[in-house]
Amino acid sequence: MAEELNLIGPDDPAYHLELTAAQLKVTYTALKVFFDDLGHDEHDVQDIVHQVLDKLPGEPEVRAIDLDQEQRRRLRGV
């Protein structure tokens, strides 16, 4: 019975998420900080966070996002 409730396989996508540029930068930064703060005995969590970071654009692309500019664009409705 418990197996029937496990509808998502271990390698199946569980959720689709669309992010604005500003949201992407904040998400990437938060995951990097979290990853960097994990202890050596938390390899399983490190692996999962690393897998998520690998799905996001690289650090140079994320650093290029200007949060102030994105906020101004959002307020203007552009």
C-alpha atoms as a PDB file:
ATOM      1  CA  MET A   1       0.000   0.000   0.000  1.00  0.00           C
ATOM      2  CA  ALA A   2       2.809   2.456   0.843  1.00  0.00           C
ATOM      3  CA  GLU A   3       4.370   1.879  -2.584  1.00  0.00           C
ATOM      4  CA  GLU A   4       1.125   2.963  -4.253  1.00  0.00           C
ATOM      5  CA  LEU A   5       1.444   6.386  -2.586  1.00  0.00           C
ATOM      6  CA  ASN A   6       4.942   6.854  -4.027  1.00  0.00           C
ATOM      7  CA  LEU A   7       3.810   8.177  -7.398  1.00  0.00           C
ATOM      8  CA  ILE A   8       6.973  10.125  -8.215  1.00  0.00           C
ATOM      9  CA  GLY A   9      10.010   8.035  -9.134  1.00  0.00           C
ATOM     10  CA  PRO A  10      13.458   8.890  -7.743  1.00  0.00           C
ATOM     11  CA  ASP A  11      14.557  10.474 -11.029  1.00  0.00           C
ATOM     12  CA  ASP A  12      11.183  11.865 -12.145  1.00  0.00           C
ATOM     13  CA  PRO A  13      10.607  15.622 -12.044  1.00  0.00           C
ATOM     14  CA  ALA A  14       8.364  16.425  -9.087  1.00  0.00           C
ATOM     15  CA  TYR A  15       7.709  20.096  -9.796  1.00  0.00           C
ATOM     16  CA  HIS A  16       8.097  22.669 -12.556  1.00  0.00           C
ATOM     17  CA  LEU A  17       9.058  26.156 -11.401  1.00  0.00           C
ATOM     18  CA  GLU A  18       9.295  29.337 -13.450  1.00  0.00           C
ATOM     19  CA  LEU A  19      11.454  32.113 -11.987  1.00  0.00           C
ATOM     20  CA  THR A  20      12.022  35.713 -12.952  1.00  0.00           C
ATOM     21  CA  ALA A  21      15.649  36.803 -13.314  1.00  0.00           C
ATOM     22  CA  ALA A  22      15.607  38.352  -9.836  1.00  0.00           C
ATOM     23  CA  GLN A  23      14.036  35.232  -8.320  1.00  0.00           C
ATOM     24  CA  LEU A  24      16.634  33.082 -10.065  1.00  0.00           C
ATOM     25  CA  LYS A  25      19.481  35.139  -8.602  1.00  0.00           C
ATOM     26  CA  VAL A  26      18.044  34.968  -5.078  1.00  0.00           C
ATOM     27  CA  THR A  27      17.366  31.221  -5.380  1.00  0.00           C
ATOM     28  CA  TYR A  28      20.853  30.500  -6.712  1.00  0.00           C
ATOM     29  CA  THR A  29      22.486  32.615  -4.008  1.00  0.00           C
ATOM     30  CA  ALA A  30      20.428  31.013  -1.234  1.00  0.00           C
ATOM     31  CA  LEU A  31      21.307  27.511  -2.445  1.00  0.00           C
ATOM     32  CA  LYS A  32      25.010  28.400  -2.685  1.00  0.00           C
ATOM     33  CA  VAL A  33      25.029  29.802   0.857  1.00  0.00           C
ATOM     34  CA  PHE A  34      23.172  26.736   2.120  1.00  0.00           C
ATOM     35  CA  PHE A  35      25.568  24.411   0.269  1.00  0.00           C
ATOM     36  CA  ASP A  36      28.622  26.225   1.620  1.00  0.00           C
ATOM     37  CA  ASP A  37      27.286  26.017   5.190  1.00  0.00           C
ATOM     38  CA  LEU A  38      26.627  22.277   5.117  1.00  0.00           C
ATOM     39  CA  GLY A  39      28.903  20.177   7.279  1.00  0.00           C
ATOM     40  CA  HIS A  40      31.163  17.396   6.075  1.00  0.00           C
ATOM     41  CA  ASP A  41      28.804  14.761   7.463  1.00  0.00           C
ATOM     42  CA  GLU A  42      25.917  15.975   5.282  1.00  0.00           C
ATOM     43  CA  HIS A  43      27.077  14.480   1.980  1.00  0.00           C
ATOM     44  CA  ASP A  44      23.605  13.312   0.998  1.00  0.00           C
ATOM     45  CA  VAL A  45      22.173  16.835   1.290  1.00  0.00           C
ATOM     46  CA  GLN A  46      25.240  18.325  -0.431  1.00  0.00           C
ATOM     47  CA  ASP A  47      24.701  15.978  -3.367  1.00  0.00           C
ATOM     48  CA  ILE A  48      21.062  16.991  -3.745  1.00  0.00           C
ATOM     49  CA  VAL A  49      21.785  20.727  -3.471  1.00  0.00           C
ATOM     50  CA  HIS A  50      24.593  20.325  -6.019  1.00  0.00           C
ATOM     51  CA  GLN A  51      22.187  18.557  -8.388  1.00  0.00           C
ATOM     52  CA  VAL A  52      19.743  21.462  -8.106  1.00  0.00           C
ATOM     53  CA  LEU A  53      22.491  24.047  -8.657  1.00  0.00           C
ATOM     54  CA  ASP A  54      23.585  22.142 -11.757  1.00  0.00           C
ATOM     55  CA  LYS A  55      20.119  22.691 -13.227  1.00  0.00           C
ATOM     56  CA  LEU A  56      20.447  26.462 -12.880  1.00  0.00           C
ATOM     57  CA  PRO A  57      22.517  28.751 -15.096  1.00  0.00           C
ATOM     58  CA  GLY A  58      26.172  29.077 -14.140  1.00  0.00           C
ATOM     59  CA  GLU A  59      27.611  31.559 -11.682  1.00  0.00           C
ATOM     60  CA  PRO A  60      28.718  34.109 -14.336  1.00  0.00           C
ATOM     61  CA  GLU A  61      25.203  34.282 -15.789  1.00  0.00           C
ATOM     62  CA  VAL A  62      23.622  34.617 -12.359  1.00  0.00           C
ATOM     63  CA  ARG A  63      26.115  37.277 -11.250  1.00  0.00           C
ATOM     64  CA  ALA A  64      25.246  39.287 -14.350  1.00  0.00           C
ATOM     65  CA  ILE A  65      21.660  39.690 -13.151  1.00  0.00           C
ATOM     66  CA  ASP A  66      21.247  43.188 -11.718  1.00  0.00           C
ATOM     67  CA  LEU A  67      18.618  43.032  -8.970  1.00  0.00           C
ATOM     68  CA  ASP A  68      18.125  46.818  -8.947  1.00  0.00           C
ATOM     69  CA  GLN A  69      17.520  46.852 -12.691  1.00  0.00           C
ATOM     70  CA  GLU A  70      15.135  43.892 -12.450  1.00  0.00           C
ATOM     71  CA  GLN A  71      13.201  45.625  -9.670  1.00  0.00           C
ATOM     72  CA  ARG A  72      12.897  48.821 -11.750  1.00  0.00           C
ATOM     73  CA  ARG A  73      11.673  46.791 -14.737  1.00  0.00           C
ATOM     74  CA  ARG A  74       9.114  45.053 -12.555  1.00  0.00           C
ATOM     75  CA  LEU A  75       7.805  48.338 -11.155  1.00  0.00           C
ATOM     76  CA  ARG A  76       7.508  49.793 -14.676  1.00  0.00           C
ATOM     77  CA  GLY A  77       5.691  46.682 -15.854  1.00  0.00           C
ATOM     78  CA  VAL A  78       8.239  45.981 -18.579  1.00  0.00           C
END
